[in-house]
Amino acid sequence: MPTFTYRVLFEPEQDGRVHAFAPELPGVHTYGATHEEALKQMEDAAVAYLEDMLAEGEEPPGRLEESPGRLDEAEITVTA
């Protein structure tokens, strides 16, 4: 199984939750009560997204080198 690494960005929501997304994985967004919860959900969502791409014979996106300038970011490495 291939392994992929992506940057995850976090944005605070007005309701106190944390919004997480990876710019390289369009449409993959998650929310959590904490950064840790949002990051774990992002890992699960990324695996599902990449497994679907691979099953369809599509090439998963590469990691972007430029940071869009968010305050908080992390990195995930997932195996799909």
N, C-alpha and C. Protein backbone atom coordinates (compact mmCIF):
# COMPACT_ATOMS: atom_id res chain seq x y z
N MET A 1 0.83 -1.18 0.00
CA MET A 1 0.00 0.00 0.00
C MET A 1 0.88 1.25 0.00
N PRO A 2 0.56 2.20 -0.86
CA PRO A 2 1.36 3.43 -0.91
C PRO A 2 1.09 4.34 0.29
N THR A 3 2.08 5.16 0.58
CA THR A 3 1.99 6.12 1.68
C THR A 3 2.07 7.53 1.10
N PHE A 4 1.25 8.42 1.63
CA PHE A 4 1.18 9.80 1.15
C PHE A 4 1.26 10.75 2.35
N THR A 5 1.88 11.90 2.13
CA THR A 5 2.01 12.91 3.18
C THR A 5 1.40 14.22 2.67
N TYR A 6 0.54 14.81 3.51
CA TYR A 6 -0.11 16.06 3.16
C TYR A 6 -0.12 17.02 4.35
N ARG A 7 -0.14 18.29 4.05
CA ARG A 7 -0.26 19.33 5.06
C ARG A 7 -1.74 19.49 5.41
N VAL A 8 -2.04 19.61 6.67
CA VAL A 8 -3.41 19.85 7.13
C VAL A 8 -3.44 21.23 7.78
N LEU A 9 -4.42 22.03 7.37
CA LEU A 9 -4.57 23.38 7.89
C LEU A 9 -5.79 23.43 8.81
N PHE A 10 -5.70 24.25 9.84
CA PHE A 10 -6.76 24.38 10.83
C PHE A 10 -7.28 25.81 10.86
N GLU A 11 -8.58 25.95 10.99
CA GLU A 11 -9.22 27.25 11.15
C GLU A 11 -10.21 27.16 12.30
N PRO A 12 -10.18 28.09 13.23
CA PRO A 12 -11.18 28.08 14.30
C PRO A 12 -12.53 28.51 13.75
N GLU A 13 -13.58 27.87 14.22
CA GLU A 13 -14.94 28.22 13.83
C GLU A 13 -15.57 29.07 14.94
N GLN A 14 -16.59 29.83 14.60
CA GLN A 14 -17.25 30.69 15.59
C GLN A 14 -17.91 29.90 16.71
N ASP A 15 -18.30 28.66 16.42
CA ASP A 15 -18.95 27.85 17.44
C ASP A 15 -17.95 27.11 18.34
N GLY A 16 -16.65 27.37 18.16
CA GLY A 16 -15.63 26.76 19.00
C GLY A 16 -14.99 25.52 18.41
N ARG A 17 -15.61 24.96 17.37
CA ARG A 17 -15.00 23.79 16.74
C ARG A 17 -13.79 24.19 15.91
N VAL A 18 -13.03 23.19 15.49
CA VAL A 18 -11.86 23.40 14.65
C VAL A 18 -12.13 22.77 13.28
N HIS A 19 -11.98 23.56 12.24
CA HIS A 19 -12.13 23.12 10.86
C HIS A 19 -10.75 22.70 10.36
N ALA A 20 -10.65 21.50 9.77
CA ALA A 20 -9.38 21.02 9.23
C ALA A 20 -9.57 20.63 7.77
N PHE A 21 -8.56 20.91 6.95
CA PHE A 21 -8.59 20.52 5.54
C PHE A 21 -7.18 20.43 5.00
N ALA A 22 -7.04 19.70 3.91
CA ALA A 22 -5.76 19.59 3.21
C ALA A 22 -5.94 20.20 1.83
N PRO A 23 -5.22 21.26 1.50
CA PRO A 23 -5.40 21.93 0.20
C PRO A 23 -5.23 20.99 -0.99
N GLU A 24 -4.40 19.97 -0.86
CA GLU A 24 -4.16 19.04 -1.97
C GLU A 24 -5.29 18.04 -2.17
N LEU A 25 -6.19 17.94 -1.20
CA LEU A 25 -7.29 16.98 -1.28
C LEU A 25 -8.61 17.75 -1.34
N PRO A 26 -8.99 18.20 -2.53
CA PRO A 26 -10.18 19.05 -2.65
C PRO A 26 -11.44 18.35 -2.13
N GLY A 27 -12.20 19.09 -1.36
CA GLY A 27 -13.46 18.56 -0.84
C GLY A 27 -13.34 17.77 0.44
N VAL A 28 -12.11 17.53 0.91
CA VAL A 28 -11.92 16.78 2.14
C VAL A 28 -11.76 17.78 3.29
N HIS A 29 -12.84 17.92 4.06
CA HIS A 29 -12.88 18.85 5.19
C HIS A 29 -13.45 18.11 6.38
N THR A 30 -12.92 18.39 7.56
CA THR A 30 -13.45 17.78 8.77
C THR A 30 -13.53 18.84 9.86
N TYR A 31 -14.21 18.49 10.93
CA TYR A 31 -14.35 19.35 12.09
C TYR A 31 -14.12 18.52 13.34
N GLY A 32 -13.64 19.16 14.38
CA GLY A 32 -13.47 18.49 15.65
C GLY A 32 -13.58 19.49 16.79
N ALA A 33 -13.76 18.98 17.99
CA ALA A 33 -13.82 19.83 19.17
C ALA A 33 -12.43 20.38 19.49
N THR A 34 -11.38 19.65 19.08
CA THR A 34 -9.99 20.04 19.32
C THR A 34 -9.19 19.85 18.03
N HIS A 35 -7.98 20.39 18.01
CA HIS A 35 -7.08 20.14 16.87
C HIS A 35 -6.83 18.65 16.71
N GLU A 36 -6.61 17.96 17.82
CA GLU A 36 -6.31 16.54 17.78
C GLU A 36 -7.46 15.74 17.17
N GLU A 37 -8.68 16.07 17.59
CA GLU A 37 -9.85 15.37 17.05
C GLU A 37 -10.02 15.66 15.56
N ALA A 38 -9.86 16.91 15.17
CA ALA A 38 -9.99 17.29 13.76
C ALA A 38 -8.90 16.61 12.93
N LEU A 39 -7.69 16.50 13.48
CA LEU A 39 -6.59 15.86 12.76
C LEU A 39 -6.86 14.37 12.57
N LYS A 40 -7.34 13.69 13.60
CA LYS A 40 -7.66 12.27 13.48
C LYS A 40 -8.75 12.05 12.44
N GLN A 41 -9.78 12.88 12.47
CA GLN A 41 -10.84 12.76 11.47
C GLN A 41 -10.32 13.04 10.07
N MET A 42 -9.37 13.97 9.97
CA MET A 42 -8.77 14.28 8.67
C MET A 42 -7.98 13.09 8.15
N GLU A 43 -7.27 12.39 9.01
CA GLU A 43 -6.55 11.19 8.60
C GLU A 43 -7.52 10.15 8.04
N ASP A 44 -8.62 9.92 8.75
CA ASP A 44 -9.61 8.94 8.29
C ASP A 44 -10.23 9.36 6.96
N ALA A 45 -10.56 10.63 6.82
CA ALA A 45 -11.15 11.12 5.58
C ALA A 45 -10.16 11.04 4.42
N ALA A 46 -8.88 11.33 4.68
CA ALA A 46 -7.86 11.26 3.63
C ALA A 46 -7.68 9.82 3.14
N VAL A 47 -7.68 8.87 4.05
CA VAL A 47 -7.55 7.46 3.65
C VAL A 47 -8.71 7.08 2.74
N ALA A 48 -9.94 7.42 3.12
CA ALA A 48 -11.11 7.08 2.30
C ALA A 48 -11.01 7.74 0.92
N TYR A 49 -10.63 9.01 0.88
CA TYR A 49 -10.50 9.75 -0.36
C TYR A 49 -9.45 9.11 -1.28
N LEU A 50 -8.29 8.80 -0.71
CA LEU A 50 -7.20 8.22 -1.51
C LEU A 50 -7.52 6.80 -1.95
N GLU A 51 -8.15 6.01 -1.09
CA GLU A 51 -8.53 4.65 -1.49
C GLU A 51 -9.50 4.68 -2.67
N ASP A 52 -10.45 5.62 -2.66
CA ASP A 52 -11.38 5.76 -3.78
C ASP A 52 -10.64 6.14 -5.05
N MET A 53 -9.71 7.09 -4.96
CA MET A 53 -8.94 7.50 -6.13
C MET A 53 -8.17 6.33 -6.71
N LEU A 54 -7.48 5.60 -5.85
CA LEU A 54 -6.67 4.47 -6.30
C LEU A 54 -7.54 3.37 -6.91
N ALA A 55 -8.71 3.12 -6.33
CA ALA A 55 -9.63 2.11 -6.86
C ALA A 55 -10.12 2.47 -8.25
N GLU A 56 -10.23 3.78 -8.52
CA GLU A 56 -10.67 4.26 -9.83
C GLU A 56 -9.50 4.41 -10.82
N GLY A 57 -8.29 4.07 -10.38
CA GLY A 57 -7.13 4.17 -11.24
C GLY A 57 -6.60 5.58 -11.40
N GLU A 58 -7.02 6.48 -10.51
CA GLU A 58 -6.56 7.86 -10.58
C GLU A 58 -5.26 8.03 -9.80
N GLU A 59 -4.47 9.01 -10.20
CA GLU A 59 -3.21 9.33 -9.54
C GLU A 59 -3.48 10.28 -8.38
N PRO A 60 -3.14 9.90 -7.16
CA PRO A 60 -3.33 10.81 -6.01
C PRO A 60 -2.48 12.07 -6.17
N PRO A 61 -2.98 13.18 -5.65
CA PRO A 61 -2.23 14.44 -5.77
C PRO A 61 -0.95 14.41 -4.96
N GLY A 62 0.01 15.21 -5.40
CA GLY A 62 1.25 15.37 -4.66
C GLY A 62 1.09 16.44 -3.60
N ARG A 63 2.08 16.54 -2.75
CA ARG A 63 2.06 17.53 -1.68
C ARG A 63 2.47 18.88 -2.23
N LEU A 64 1.71 19.92 -1.90
CA LEU A 64 2.06 21.28 -2.30
C LEU A 64 3.21 21.78 -1.44
N GLU A 65 4.11 22.51 -2.03
CA GLU A 65 5.25 23.03 -1.28
C GLU A 65 4.98 24.39 -0.65
N GLU A 66 4.02 25.14 -1.21
CA GLU A 66 3.74 26.47 -0.69
C GLU A 66 2.71 26.40 0.43
N SER A 67 2.95 27.13 1.48
CA SER A 67 1.97 27.23 2.56
C SER A 67 1.05 28.40 2.27
N PRO A 68 -0.28 28.21 2.40
CA PRO A 68 -1.20 29.31 2.14
C PRO A 68 -1.24 30.35 3.26
N GLY A 69 -0.38 30.24 4.27
CA GLY A 69 -0.28 31.27 5.28
C GLY A 69 -1.27 31.16 6.43
N ARG A 70 -1.75 30.00 6.73
CA ARG A 70 -2.67 29.82 7.86
C ARG A 70 -1.88 29.87 9.17
N LEU A 71 -2.57 30.12 10.25
CA LEU A 71 -1.90 30.19 11.55
C LEU A 71 -1.43 28.83 12.05
N ASP A 72 -2.25 27.82 11.87
CA ASP A 72 -1.97 26.50 12.43
C ASP A 72 -1.93 25.48 11.31
N GLU A 73 -0.93 24.61 11.34
CA GLU A 73 -0.91 23.53 10.39
C GLU A 73 -0.18 22.33 10.99
N ALA A 74 -0.46 21.18 10.44
CA ALA A 74 0.16 19.92 10.84
C ALA A 74 0.39 19.13 9.58
N GLU A 75 0.93 17.94 9.72
CA GLU A 75 1.17 17.08 8.59
C GLU A 75 0.67 15.69 8.93
N ILE A 76 0.03 15.03 7.95
CA ILE A 76 -0.40 13.66 8.14
C ILE A 76 0.28 12.79 7.11
N THR A 77 0.57 11.57 7.49
CA THR A 77 1.06 10.55 6.57
C THR A 77 0.10 9.39 6.69
N VAL A 78 -0.54 9.03 5.57
CA VAL A 78 -1.54 7.99 5.58
C VAL A 78 -1.20 6.91 4.57
N THR A 79 -1.63 5.71 4.84
CA THR A 79 -1.46 4.60 3.92
C THR A 79 -2.83 4.21 3.41
N ALA A 80 -2.97 4.18 2.08
CA ALA A 80 -4.26 3.88 1.48
C ALA A 80 -4.16 2.63 0.63
